[in-house]
Structures are given as C-alpha cells and as structure tokens.
Amino acid sequence: MKHDQPGATMFPDTGGPHAPVIDMTNPDCGACLSDAAMEWGCFQVINHGVPAAVVAELQRVGRAFFELMPEEKCRYSWDPASGSIEGYKVGTKVQRNLTGKKAWGDFFYHYVAPPSIVNHNIWPQNPAGYREANEEYCRHMQRLTREMFEDLSVGLGLEKGAMREAFGGDELVLLQKINSYPPCPQPDLVLGIGPHTDVCTLTILLPNEVPGLQIMKDGRWHDLLGTATDFQQREVQGRDAPAMVNMDKTRMSWPVHVEPPKELVVGPHPQLVSSCSLPIYKAKKYKDYQYILQAVDGKAAAN
C-alpha cells in the first residue's frame, strides 16, 4: 500500500496473490465463482454486461450529490429515531477502531428494490437525473445478482434457481450505498471504515479509480484491486475489510448490499446437507442473523 494511505503500518498489503478475476461469459463461470467464494470469499467479475454509460451516470450523480452544499445534503440526513438506516450520514463511525483511529467519510443509504420498500422521499432531487440513474443501475444489479446466484448454484451442484429462491426470489432486497472519503491531510490518523463484516448475502462493489479496500485472507491483508468498469463481489461471512482514505484524492465506492427479506428464514440449503454432512449453522430469520452478527462485530471492536 502507499504510505499516504491510513493504516499503512496497521494493515500492510503483504503482496502475493490477489482475489480471482472471473469472466462472466466463461462456460465454467459457475465452478470458478463457487471456488473463489469458498477460497477467497470475494472475486472480481468482468464481462458482466453492465453498460459503461450506466456506470458513468451512476457515478456522476453520486459525485454531484456529495459536492452539494452541506445544508442541501443535510435535507436527507439519517434520522436515528426512525428505525431506518436510510439517509445521509456525516462521518459515521461503523465501529470503534482498536488503535483509536477516527472515521473519515460520508455515506448515503437508500433501498432500490423491491418496490414495496423503496422510499423515493429519501432520494435526492438534486442533482438532476439521480432517480433515473439509480433505477437504471438497479435493474442491471438485479439481473447481475440473478446471474451470479444461478452460476453459483450450478457450481455447487444445485438447480439453477436454487440460491436465488433460497434468499427471497423476487423479494430480494437491494440496498444502494454511496461511500465518499474526502482527501485527508493526515491519513495515518483516520480510517474510512475500520475492519468489518458486511451483514448481507453478497455485496456488489463498484469503486472509483482511487484504491483503498483490503480483505483478510489466511490471516493477511490483501489489496482488493479493480477499476470503475469492473465489479467486485464479496461473500461477506468471515471476511473483514478496512476502507482507506487518500491524502490527495477523494475515494468513492458504490456498494449494493443484497439481502433476504428480514422475516425470511435462512439456513444451510437442504440439498447441501446430508447425514454425513450435518449443518454447522441453525436456520433463523434473517433479521435475527443480522442482530447476532452485528453484536459479534461490535463486541470484537470494543475488545
């Protein structure tokens, strides 16, 4: 890692192999995805079919929103009392860092699917085209999510639609997030986000041209490489990731968190469990799984 990025001594990149790059048009894509998910917990996908113009427009409106005057952005501020996670958050601290590093970044969350939970009142009216850009991008994320679930299902020896149906089918929840980490004159003193585990089924991450995300594998930190036209997917369970900031440039990313409905019971797929392979995890409602994992992450951070 560059020395002007925070955590250069705390989270050094150890070199060596990087997360797999997988061609979505490869006939063996399913096997490649399942192998990468089991070994790395993440992978980068290419030839994913998301038009460059759609990506560019999503990034344009995202950048434009964060360039608005503070009073304009604060019209969409997150309300902790609402019980919702949607809204604009200034300098949100995901968890207390063990070294005392402070959070350095602004964030914006809103649901984009399914239609029954989308609240357009929280979507910015400024910049122009924000809603159209996010809705078009969401359509591609729904298609890409379906294709990845289908390929992963085949790679695991399941029927093509098995994983998607197990996680909610047409009711799958997509949460769009925008992360903005402005330049910091003393990046060694801060972190965009400390080490954490995404609490969802998968995350499809679109970065800009400024690197900064790392993943933990085999007890070592690795830089997660990629460009703004490729996508990085993370299977979140058991994978930690700190997000760094830069001395000179704004680092931004657009993760889409793909989640089951909160009331859906999730657990080991019956076809992957046999009398010789007993389930490690108990089936539970997704909202209960969220609560448990968030509590575990919070306890680890506090210690």
C-alpha atoms as a PDB file:
ATOM      1  CA  MET A   1       0.000   0.000   0.000  1.00  0.00           C
ATOM      2  CA  LYS A   2       1.036   3.584  -0.475  1.00  0.00           C
ATOM      3  CA  HIS A   3       2.377   5.263   2.630  1.00  0.00           C
ATOM      4  CA  ASP A   4      -0.055   8.164   2.203  1.00  0.00           C
ATOM      5  CA  GLN A   5      -2.958   5.833   2.933  1.00  0.00           C
ATOM      6  CA  PRO A   6      -4.036   5.357   6.546  1.00  0.00           C
ATOM      7  CA  GLY A   7      -3.221   2.082   8.132  1.00  0.00           C
ATOM      8  CA  ALA A   8      -0.107   1.597   6.001  1.00  0.00           C
ATOM      9  CA  THR A   9       1.562   0.109   9.043  1.00  0.00           C
ATOM     10  CA  MET A  10      -1.626  -1.189  10.607  1.00  0.00           C
ATOM     11  CA  PHE A  11      -2.992  -3.015   7.525  1.00  0.00           C
ATOM     12  CA  PRO A  12       0.029  -3.596   5.266  1.00  0.00           C
ATOM     13  CA  ASP A  13      -0.552  -5.353   1.965  1.00  0.00           C
ATOM     14  CA  THR A  14       1.507  -8.486   2.157  1.00  0.00           C
ATOM     15  CA  GLY A  15       1.743  -8.923  -1.601  1.00  0.00           C
ATOM     16  CA  GLY A  16       1.269 -12.335  -3.135  1.00  0.00           C
ATOM     17  CA  PRO A  17      -1.939 -13.483  -4.848  1.00  0.00           C
ATOM     18  CA  HIS A  18      -4.959 -11.278  -5.387  1.00  0.00           C
ATOM     19  CA  ALA A  19      -8.642 -12.141  -5.487  1.00  0.00           C
ATOM     20  CA  PRO A  20      -9.663 -14.059  -8.636  1.00  0.00           C
ATOM     21  CA  VAL A  21     -10.848 -12.237 -11.760  1.00  0.00           C
ATOM     22  CA  ILE A  22     -13.758 -14.133 -13.320  1.00  0.00           C
ATOM     23  CA  ASP A  23     -15.190 -13.763 -16.805  1.00  0.00           C
ATOM     24  CA  MET A  24     -18.975 -13.976 -16.603  1.00  0.00           C
ATOM     25  CA  THR A  25     -19.089 -15.298 -20.188  1.00  0.00           C
ATOM     26  CA  ASN A  26     -16.853 -18.256 -19.348  1.00  0.00           C
ATOM     27  CA  PRO A  27     -18.766 -21.555 -19.750  1.00  0.00           C
ATOM     28  CA  ASP A  28     -17.157 -22.701 -16.482  1.00  0.00           C
ATOM     29  CA  CYS A  29     -18.164 -19.498 -14.678  1.00  0.00           C
ATOM     30  CA  GLY A  30     -20.222 -21.346 -12.066  1.00  0.00           C
ATOM     31  CA  ALA A  31     -17.346 -23.536 -10.952  1.00  0.00           C
ATOM     32  CA  CYS A  32     -14.986 -20.548 -10.927  1.00  0.00           C
ATOM     33  CA  LEU A  33     -17.385 -18.486  -8.816  1.00  0.00           C
ATOM     34  CA  SER A  34     -18.018 -21.227  -6.272  1.00  0.00           C
ATOM     35  CA  ASP A  35     -14.288 -21.983  -5.962  1.00  0.00           C
ATOM     36  CA  ALA A  36     -13.477 -18.283  -5.491  1.00  0.00           C
ATOM     37  CA  ALA A  37     -16.283 -17.815  -2.966  1.00  0.00           C
ATOM     38  CA  MET A  38     -15.068 -20.752  -0.875  1.00  0.00           C
ATOM     39  CA  GLU A  39     -11.354 -19.927  -1.078  1.00  0.00           C
ATOM     40  CA  TRP A  40     -11.371 -16.118  -1.061  1.00  0.00           C
ATOM     41  CA  GLY A  41     -14.887 -15.033  -0.154  1.00  0.00           C
ATOM     42  CA  CYS A  42     -14.630 -12.441  -2.921  1.00  0.00           C
ATOM     43  CA  PHE A  43     -13.878 -12.075  -6.601  1.00  0.00           C
ATOM     44  CA  GLN A  44     -13.802  -9.517  -9.382  1.00  0.00           C
ATOM     45  CA  VAL A  45     -16.107 -10.046 -12.355  1.00  0.00           C
ATOM     46  CA  ILE A  46     -15.588  -8.880 -15.928  1.00  0.00           C
ATOM     47  CA  ASN A  47     -17.846  -9.054 -18.998  1.00  0.00           C
ATOM     48  CA  HIS A  48     -20.767  -8.585 -16.620  1.00  0.00           C
ATOM     49  CA  GLY A  49     -22.970  -6.789 -19.144  1.00  0.00           C
ATOM     50  CA  VAL A  50     -23.422  -3.535 -17.202  1.00  0.00           C
ATOM     51  CA  PRO A  51     -23.006  -0.753 -19.799  1.00  0.00           C
ATOM     52  CA  ALA A  52     -20.206   1.717 -19.158  1.00  0.00           C
ATOM     53  CA  ALA A  53     -22.657   4.584 -19.724  1.00  0.00           C
ATOM     54  CA  VAL A  54     -24.899   3.317 -16.904  1.00  0.00           C
ATOM     55  CA  VAL A  55     -21.918   3.086 -14.549  1.00  0.00           C
ATOM     56  CA  ALA A  56     -20.691   6.553 -15.531  1.00  0.00           C
ATOM     57  CA  GLU A  57     -24.100   8.138 -14.939  1.00  0.00           C
ATOM     58  CA  LEU A  58     -24.464   6.483 -11.521  1.00  0.00           C
ATOM     59  CA  GLN A  59     -21.048   7.811 -10.540  1.00  0.00           C
ATOM     60  CA  ARG A  60     -21.793  11.263 -11.945  1.00  0.00           C
ATOM     61  CA  VAL A  61     -24.936  11.783  -9.869  1.00  0.00           C
ATOM     62  CA  GLY A  62     -23.255  10.279  -6.794  1.00  0.00           C
ATOM     63  CA  ARG A  63     -20.299  12.650  -7.037  1.00  0.00           C
ATOM     64  CA  ALA A  64     -22.644  15.567  -7.697  1.00  0.00           C
ATOM     65  CA  PHE A  65     -24.665  14.806  -4.572  1.00  0.00           C
ATOM     66  CA  PHE A  66     -21.602  14.839  -2.325  1.00  0.00           C
ATOM     67  CA  GLU A  67     -20.443  18.092  -3.932  1.00  0.00           C
ATOM     68  CA  LEU A  68     -23.645  19.868  -2.843  1.00  0.00           C
ATOM     69  CA  MET A  69     -23.563  22.426  -0.046  1.00  0.00           C
ATOM     70  CA  PRO A  70     -23.818  20.839   3.422  1.00  0.00           C
ATOM     71  CA  GLU A  71     -27.250  22.314   4.108  1.00  0.00           C
ATOM     72  CA  GLU A  72     -28.596  20.757   0.895  1.00  0.00           C
ATOM     73  CA  LYS A  73     -27.209  17.300   1.722  1.00  0.00           C
ATOM     74  CA  CYS A  74     -28.495  17.511   5.279  1.00  0.00           C
ATOM     75  CA  ARG A  75     -32.058  17.700   3.956  1.00  0.00           C
ATOM     76  CA  TYR A  76     -31.651  13.939   3.554  1.00  0.00           C
ATOM     77  CA  SER A  77     -29.970  13.257   6.897  1.00  0.00           C
ATOM     78  CA  TRP A  78     -30.442   9.906   8.566  1.00  0.00           C
ATOM     79  CA  ASP A  79     -32.883  10.011  11.481  1.00  0.00           C
ATOM     80  CA  PRO A  80     -31.777   7.508  14.182  1.00  0.00           C
ATOM     81  CA  ALA A  81     -35.235   7.655  15.737  1.00  0.00           C
ATOM     82  CA  SER A  82     -36.896   6.459  12.538  1.00  0.00           C
ATOM     83  CA  GLY A  83     -35.708   2.893  12.899  1.00  0.00           C
ATOM     84  CA  SER A  84     -34.493   3.025   9.310  1.00  0.00           C
ATOM     85  CA  ILE A  85     -30.900   3.016   8.094  1.00  0.00           C
ATOM     86  CA  GLU A  86     -31.692   5.168   5.059  1.00  0.00           C
ATOM     87  CA  GLY A  87     -30.306   8.659   4.695  1.00  0.00           C
ATOM     88  CA  TYR A  88     -27.188  10.813   4.591  1.00  0.00           C
ATOM     89  CA  LYS A  89     -24.660  10.208   7.343  1.00  0.00           C
ATOM     90  CA  VAL A  90     -21.757  12.537   8.084  1.00  0.00           C
ATOM     91  CA  GLY A  91     -18.581  10.915   9.372  1.00  0.00           C
ATOM     92  CA  THR A  92     -20.428   7.812  10.520  1.00  0.00           C
ATOM     93  CA  LYS A  93     -18.289   5.567  12.646  1.00  0.00           C
ATOM     94  CA  VAL A  94     -19.124   1.977  11.825  1.00  0.00           C
ATOM     95  CA  GLN A  95     -17.169   0.684  14.804  1.00  0.00           C
ATOM     96  CA  ARG A  96     -14.531   1.887  17.220  1.00  0.00           C
ATOM     97  CA  ASN A  97     -11.072   1.066  15.937  1.00  0.00           C
ATOM     98  CA  LEU A  98      -8.643  -0.724  18.217  1.00  0.00           C
ATOM     99  CA  THR A  99      -5.943   1.909  17.649  1.00  0.00           C
ATOM    100  CA  GLY A 100      -8.284   4.830  18.237  1.00  0.00           C
ATOM    101  CA  LYS A 101      -8.357   5.910  14.582  1.00  0.00           C
ATOM    102  CA  LYS A 102     -11.306   8.140  13.723  1.00  0.00           C
ATOM    103  CA  ALA A 103     -13.763   7.636  10.879  1.00  0.00           C
ATOM    104  CA  TRP A 104     -13.275   9.879   7.852  1.00  0.00           C
ATOM    105  CA  GLY A 105     -16.082   9.684   5.374  1.00  0.00           C
ATOM    106  CA  ASP A 106     -19.669  10.493   4.485  1.00  0.00           C
ATOM    107  CA  PHE A 107     -22.262   7.930   3.471  1.00  0.00           C
ATOM    108  CA  PHE A 108     -25.673   7.743   1.862  1.00  0.00           C
ATOM    109  CA  TYR A 109     -28.019   4.749   2.032  1.00  0.00           C
ATOM    110  CA  HIS A 110     -31.342   4.034   0.351  1.00  0.00           C
ATOM    111  CA  TYR A 111     -33.232   0.953  -0.780  1.00  0.00           C
ATOM    112  CA  VAL A 112     -33.660   0.424  -4.517  1.00  0.00           C
ATOM    113  CA  ALA A 113     -35.583  -2.898  -4.514  1.00  0.00           C
ATOM    114  CA  PRO A 114     -38.107  -4.382  -4.144  1.00  0.00           C
ATOM    115  CA  PRO A 115     -40.590  -1.589  -4.991  1.00  0.00           C
ATOM    116  CA  SER A 116     -42.616  -2.258  -1.833  1.00  0.00           C
ATOM    117  CA  ILE A 117     -39.848  -0.879   0.422  1.00  0.00           C
ATOM    118  CA  VAL A 118     -38.479   1.915  -1.788  1.00  0.00           C
ATOM    119  CA  ASN A 119     -38.997   5.394  -0.314  1.00  0.00           C
ATOM    120  CA  HIS A 120     -38.335   7.965  -3.006  1.00  0.00           C
ATOM    121  CA  ASN A 121     -38.737  10.766  -0.468  1.00  0.00           C
ATOM    122  CA  ILE A 122     -35.233   9.996   0.780  1.00  0.00           C
ATOM    123  CA  TRP A 123     -33.765  10.030  -2.746  1.00  0.00           C
ATOM    124  CA  PRO A 124     -32.133  13.365  -3.635  1.00  0.00           C
ATOM    125  CA  GLN A 125     -33.987  15.617  -6.069  1.00  0.00           C
ATOM    126  CA  ASN A 126     -30.693  17.338  -6.746  1.00  0.00           C
ATOM    127  CA  PRO A 127     -28.678  16.561  -8.849  1.00  0.00           C
ATOM    128  CA  ALA A 128     -30.994  16.146 -11.793  1.00  0.00           C
ATOM    129  CA  GLY A 129     -31.198  12.586 -13.033  1.00  0.00           C
ATOM    130  CA  TYR A 130     -30.378  10.978  -9.686  1.00  0.00           C
ATOM    131  CA  ARG A 131     -33.506   8.803  -9.580  1.00  0.00           C
ATOM    132  CA  GLU A 132     -33.248   7.731 -13.212  1.00  0.00           C
ATOM    133  CA  ALA A 133     -29.559   6.800 -12.850  1.00  0.00           C
ATOM    134  CA  ASN A 134     -30.142   4.717  -9.726  1.00  0.00           C
ATOM    135  CA  GLU A 135     -33.207   2.946 -11.099  1.00  0.00           C
ATOM    136  CA  GLU A 136     -31.387   2.001 -14.306  1.00  0.00           C
ATOM    137  CA  TYR A 137     -28.356   0.779 -12.349  1.00  0.00           C
ATOM    138  CA  CYS A 138     -30.645  -1.196 -10.034  1.00  0.00           C
ATOM    139  CA  ARG A 139     -32.151  -3.053 -12.998  1.00  0.00           C
ATOM    140  CA  HIS A 140     -28.685  -4.195 -14.013  1.00  0.00           C
ATOM    141  CA  MET A 141     -27.832  -5.170 -10.427  1.00  0.00           C
ATOM    142  CA  GLN A 142     -30.964  -7.291 -10.211  1.00  0.00           C
ATOM    143  CA  ARG A 143     -30.015  -9.025 -13.446  1.00  0.00           C
ATOM    144  CA  LEU A 144     -26.368  -9.469 -12.388  1.00  0.00           C
ATOM    145  CA  THR A 145     -27.407 -10.762  -8.961  1.00  0.00           C
ATOM    146  CA  ARG A 146     -29.715 -13.312 -10.582  1.00  0.00           C
ATOM    147  CA  GLU A 147     -26.959 -14.471 -12.941  1.00  0.00           C
ATOM    148  CA  MET A 148     -24.396 -14.809 -10.142  1.00  0.00           C
ATOM    149  CA  PHE A 149     -26.816 -16.754  -7.968  1.00  0.00           C
ATOM    150  CA  GLU A 150     -27.621 -19.014 -10.918  1.00  0.00           C
ATOM    151  CA  ASP A 151     -23.950 -19.606 -11.695  1.00  0.00           C
ATOM    152  CA  LEU A 152     -23.111 -20.205  -8.044  1.00  0.00           C
ATOM    153  CA  SER A 153     -25.999 -22.665  -7.768  1.00  0.00           C
ATOM    154  CA  VAL A 154     -24.740 -24.638 -10.758  1.00  0.00           C
ATOM    155  CA  GLY A 155     -21.196 -24.506  -9.391  1.00  0.00           C
ATOM    156  CA  LEU A 156     -22.441 -26.054  -6.149  1.00  0.00           C
ATOM    157  CA  GLY A 157     -24.347 -28.774  -7.957  1.00  0.00           C
ATOM    158  CA  LEU A 158     -27.787 -27.253  -7.308  1.00  0.00           C
ATOM    159  CA  GLU A 159     -30.601 -26.378  -9.659  1.00  0.00           C
ATOM    160  CA  LYS A 160     -30.056 -23.065 -11.429  1.00  0.00           C
ATOM    161  CA  GLY A 161     -32.579 -21.057  -9.392  1.00  0.00           C
ATOM    162  CA  ALA A 162     -31.882 -22.668  -6.022  1.00  0.00           C
ATOM    163  CA  MET A 163     -29.834 -19.955  -4.342  1.00  0.00           C
ATOM    164  CA  ARG A 164     -31.925 -17.043  -5.542  1.00  0.00           C
ATOM    165  CA  GLU A 165     -35.123 -18.659  -4.320  1.00  0.00           C
ATOM    166  CA  ALA A 166     -33.493 -19.592  -1.005  1.00  0.00           C
ATOM    167  CA  PHE A 167     -32.645 -15.934  -0.408  1.00  0.00           C
ATOM    168  CA  GLY A 168     -36.019 -14.459  -1.304  1.00  0.00           C
ATOM    169  CA  GLY A 169     -36.540 -14.667  -5.070  1.00  0.00           C
ATOM    170  CA  ASP A 170     -38.378 -11.609  -6.365  1.00  0.00           C
ATOM    171  CA  GLU A 171     -38.401 -10.136  -2.845  1.00  0.00           C
ATOM    172  CA  LEU A 172     -34.610  -9.894  -2.607  1.00  0.00           C
ATOM    173  CA  VAL A 173     -33.662  -6.580  -1.007  1.00  0.00           C
ATOM    174  CA  LEU A 174     -31.115  -4.293  -2.673  1.00  0.00           C
ATOM    175  CA  LEU A 175     -29.651  -1.517  -0.550  1.00  0.00           C
ATOM    176  CA  GLN A 176     -27.685   1.090  -2.508  1.00  0.00           C
ATOM    177  CA  LYS A 177     -24.911   2.786  -0.588  1.00  0.00           C
ATOM    178  CA  ILE A 178     -22.534   5.560  -1.609  1.00  0.00           C
ATOM    179  CA  ASN A 179     -19.279   5.953   0.311  1.00  0.00           C
ATOM    180  CA  SER A 180     -17.286   9.173  -0.019  1.00  0.00           C
ATOM    181  CA  TYR A 181     -13.862   9.504   1.600  1.00  0.00           C
ATOM    182  CA  PRO A 182     -12.510  13.031   1.008  1.00  0.00           C
ATOM    183  CA  PRO A 183      -8.773  13.752   0.866  1.00  0.00           C
ATOM    184  CA  CYS A 184      -7.231  13.828   4.328  1.00  0.00           C
ATOM    185  CA  PRO A 185      -4.043  15.792   5.153  1.00  0.00           C
ATOM    186  CA  GLN A 186      -3.140  13.241   7.860  1.00  0.00           C
ATOM    187  CA  PRO A 187      -4.453   9.898   6.581  1.00  0.00           C
ATOM    188  CA  ASP A 188      -2.416   7.931   9.129  1.00  0.00           C
ATOM    189  CA  LEU A 189      -4.782   9.211  11.816  1.00  0.00           C
ATOM    190  CA  VAL A 190      -8.041   8.036  10.258  1.00  0.00           C
ATOM    191  CA  LEU A 191      -9.823   5.195   8.500  1.00  0.00           C
ATOM    192  CA  GLY A 192     -12.719   5.473   6.082  1.00  0.00           C
ATOM    193  CA  ILE A 193     -14.208   2.389   7.707  1.00  0.00           C
ATOM    194  CA  GLY A 194     -12.491   0.074  10.150  1.00  0.00           C
ATOM    195  CA  PRO A 195     -12.338  -3.722   9.704  1.00  0.00           C
ATOM    196  CA  HIS A 196     -15.880  -5.027   9.402  1.00  0.00           C
ATOM    197  CA  THR A 197     -18.066  -7.791   8.013  1.00  0.00           C
ATOM    198  CA  ASP A 198     -20.927  -6.915   5.668  1.00  0.00           C
ATOM    199  CA  VAL A 199     -24.175  -8.264   7.082  1.00  0.00           C
ATOM    200  CA  CYS A 200     -25.857  -9.402   3.870  1.00  0.00           C
ATOM    201  CA  THR A 201     -25.928 -12.241   1.355  1.00  0.00           C
ATOM    202  CA  LEU A 202     -23.477 -10.582  -1.001  1.00  0.00           C
ATOM    203  CA  THR A 203     -22.095  -7.146  -1.815  1.00  0.00           C
ATOM    204  CA  ILE A 204     -21.545  -5.933  -5.367  1.00  0.00           C
ATOM    205  CA  LEU A 205     -18.978  -3.169  -5.094  1.00  0.00           C
ATOM    206  CA  LEU A 206     -18.299  -0.541  -7.738  1.00  0.00           C
ATOM    207  CA  PRO A 207     -15.152   1.517  -6.937  1.00  0.00           C
ATOM    208  CA  ASN A 208     -13.815   4.687  -8.496  1.00  0.00           C
ATOM    209  CA  GLU A 209     -10.224   4.970  -9.686  1.00  0.00           C
ATOM    210  CA  VAL A 210      -8.770   5.540  -6.184  1.00  0.00           C
ATOM    211  CA  PRO A 211      -7.838   2.258  -4.428  1.00  0.00           C
ATOM    212  CA  GLY A 212      -8.250   1.628  -0.730  1.00  0.00           C
ATOM    213  CA  LEU A 213     -10.201  -1.532   0.147  1.00  0.00           C
ATOM    214  CA  GLN A 214      -8.476  -4.542   1.662  1.00  0.00           C
ATOM    215  CA  ILE A 215      -9.665  -8.034   2.539  1.00  0.00           C
ATOM    216  CA  MET A 216      -8.445 -10.534   5.096  1.00  0.00           C
ATOM    217  CA  LYS A 217      -7.403 -13.979   3.873  1.00  0.00           C
ATOM    218  CA  ASP A 218      -5.368 -16.562   5.766  1.00  0.00           C
ATOM    219  CA  GLY A 219      -4.510 -14.019   8.440  1.00  0.00           C
ATOM    220  CA  ARG A 220      -3.103 -11.489   5.963  1.00  0.00           C
ATOM    221  CA  TRP A 221      -4.430  -8.277   4.433  1.00  0.00           C
ATOM    222  CA  HIS A 222      -4.627  -8.059   0.646  1.00  0.00           C
ATOM    223  CA  ASP A 223      -5.397  -5.046  -1.536  1.00  0.00           C
ATOM    224  CA  LEU A 224      -8.620  -5.558  -3.456  1.00  0.00           C
ATOM    225  CA  LEU A 225      -7.833  -4.424  -6.969  1.00  0.00           C
ATOM    226  CA  GLY A 226     -10.235  -3.286  -9.678  1.00  0.00           C
ATOM    227  CA  THR A 227     -11.356  -0.435 -11.873  1.00  0.00           C
ATOM    228  CA  ALA A 228     -14.504   1.602 -12.181  1.00  0.00           C
ATOM    229  CA  THR A 229     -15.697  -0.567 -15.089  1.00  0.00           C
ATOM    230  CA  ASP A 230     -15.223  -3.916 -13.352  1.00  0.00           C
ATOM    231  CA  PHE A 231     -17.178  -5.188 -10.385  1.00  0.00           C
ATOM    232  CA  GLN A 232     -16.040  -6.722  -7.152  1.00  0.00           C
ATOM    233  CA  GLN A 233     -18.296  -9.109  -5.272  1.00  0.00           C
ATOM    234  CA  ARG A 234     -17.806 -10.065  -1.655  1.00  0.00           C
ATOM    235  CA  GLU A 235     -19.339 -13.047   0.092  1.00  0.00           C
ATOM    236  CA  VAL A 236     -19.307 -11.353   3.439  1.00  0.00           C
ATOM    237  CA  GLN A 237     -19.308 -14.028   6.103  1.00  0.00           C
ATOM    238  CA  GLY A 238     -15.915 -14.299   7.729  1.00  0.00           C
ATOM    239  CA  ARG A 239     -14.279 -11.635   5.567  1.00  0.00           C
ATOM    240  CA  ASP A 240     -13.130  -8.374   7.152  1.00  0.00           C
ATOM    241  CA  ALA A 241     -12.373  -5.218   5.184  1.00  0.00           C
ATOM    242  CA  PRO A 242     -10.979  -1.837   6.231  1.00  0.00           C
ATOM    243  CA  ALA A 243     -11.605   1.090   3.858  1.00  0.00           C
ATOM    244  CA  MET A 244      -8.741   3.545   3.497  1.00  0.00           C
ATOM    245  CA  VAL A 245      -8.655   7.221   2.530  1.00  0.00           C
ATOM    246  CA  ASN A 246      -6.160   9.144   0.402  1.00  0.00           C
ATOM    247  CA  MET A 247      -4.083  12.259   1.002  1.00  0.00           C
ATOM    248  CA  ASP A 248      -4.818  13.894  -2.354  1.00  0.00           C
ATOM    249  CA  LYS A 249      -7.915  12.329  -3.916  1.00  0.00           C
ATOM    250  CA  THR A 250     -11.497  11.544  -2.964  1.00  0.00           C
ATOM    251  CA  ARG A 251     -12.107   7.822  -2.864  1.00  0.00           C
ATOM    252  CA  MET A 252     -15.669   6.758  -3.577  1.00  0.00           C
ATOM    253  CA  SER A 253     -17.455   3.444  -3.889  1.00  0.00           C
ATOM    254  CA  TRP A 254     -20.985   2.299  -4.671  1.00  0.00           C
ATOM    255  CA  PRO A 255     -21.747  -0.985  -2.867  1.00  0.00           C
ATOM    256  CA  VAL A 256     -25.076  -2.692  -3.409  1.00  0.00           C
ATOM    257  CA  HIS A 257     -25.930  -4.915  -0.465  1.00  0.00           C
ATOM    258  CA  VAL A 258     -28.120  -7.849  -1.494  1.00  0.00           C
ATOM    259  CA  GLU A 259     -30.200  -9.159   1.409  1.00  0.00           C
ATOM    260  CA  PRO A 260     -33.057 -11.591   2.059  1.00  0.00           C
ATOM    261  CA  PRO A 261     -36.319 -10.116   3.408  1.00  0.00           C
ATOM    262  CA  LYS A 262     -35.997  -9.624   7.147  1.00  0.00           C
ATOM    263  CA  GLU A 263     -38.684 -12.189   8.010  1.00  0.00           C
ATOM    264  CA  LEU A 264     -37.297 -14.885   5.716  1.00  0.00           C
ATOM    265  CA  VAL A 265     -35.843 -17.942   7.445  1.00  0.00           C
ATOM    266  CA  VAL A 266     -32.347 -18.619   6.082  1.00  0.00           C
ATOM    267  CA  GLY A 267     -30.042 -21.537   6.752  1.00  0.00           C
ATOM    268  CA  PRO A 268     -27.965 -24.260   5.091  1.00  0.00           C
ATOM    269  CA  HIS A 269     -29.557 -25.366   1.829  1.00  0.00           C
ATOM    270  CA  PRO A 270     -31.237 -28.774   2.313  1.00  0.00           C
ATOM    271  CA  GLN A 271     -29.602 -30.148  -0.835  1.00  0.00           C
ATOM    272  CA  LEU A 272     -26.162 -29.389   0.570  1.00  0.00           C
ATOM    273  CA  VAL A 273     -26.826 -31.144   3.873  1.00  0.00           C
ATOM    274  CA  SER A 274     -26.787 -34.904   4.290  1.00  0.00           C
ATOM    275  CA  SER A 275     -26.500 -37.426   7.099  1.00  0.00           C
ATOM    276  CA  CYS A 276     -22.747 -37.312   6.516  1.00  0.00           C
ATOM    277  CA  SER A 277     -22.614 -33.526   6.419  1.00  0.00           C
ATOM    278  CA  LEU A 278     -24.584 -32.039   9.279  1.00  0.00           C
ATOM    279  CA  PRO A 279     -25.381 -28.295   9.186  1.00  0.00           C
ATOM    280  CA  ILE A 280     -22.982 -26.036  11.063  1.00  0.00           C
ATOM    281  CA  TYR A 281     -25.450 -23.147  11.317  1.00  0.00           C
ATOM    282  CA  LYS A 282     -29.016 -23.130  12.547  1.00  0.00           C
ATOM    283  CA  ALA A 283     -31.794 -21.743  10.368  1.00  0.00           C
ATOM    284  CA  LYS A 284     -33.153 -18.410  11.618  1.00  0.00           C
ATOM    285  CA  LYS A 285     -34.931 -15.324  10.400  1.00  0.00           C
ATOM    286  CA  TYR A 286     -32.607 -13.007   8.523  1.00  0.00           C
ATOM    287  CA  LYS A 287     -33.318 -10.133  10.922  1.00  0.00           C
ATOM    288  CA  ASP A 288     -32.130 -12.336  13.817  1.00  0.00           C
ATOM    289  CA  TYR A 289     -28.990 -13.289  11.895  1.00  0.00           C
ATOM    290  CA  GLN A 290     -28.312  -9.558  11.323  1.00  0.00           C
ATOM    291  CA  TYR A 291     -28.705  -8.829  15.015  1.00  0.00           C
ATOM    292  CA  ILE A 292     -26.353 -11.616  16.080  1.00  0.00           C
ATOM    293  CA  LEU A 293     -23.615 -10.800  13.574  1.00  0.00           C
ATOM    294  CA  GLN A 294     -23.765  -7.063  14.310  1.00  0.00           C
ATOM    295  CA  ALA A 295     -23.490  -7.818  18.015  1.00  0.00           C
ATOM    296  CA  VAL A 296     -20.463 -10.076  17.427  1.00  0.00           C
ATOM    297  CA  ASP A 297     -18.749  -7.417  15.287  1.00  0.00           C
ATOM    298  CA  GLY A 298     -19.498  -4.754  17.882  1.00  0.00           C
ATOM    299  CA  LYS A 299     -18.106  -6.864  20.717  1.00  0.00           C
ATOM    300  CA  ALA A 300     -14.935  -7.620  18.729  1.00  0.00           C
ATOM    301  CA  ALA A 301     -14.437  -3.917  18.034  1.00  0.00           C
ATOM    302  CA  ALA A 302     -14.909  -2.992  21.691  1.00  0.00           C
ATOM    303  CA  ASN A 303     -12.304  -5.524  22.771  1.00  0.00           C
END
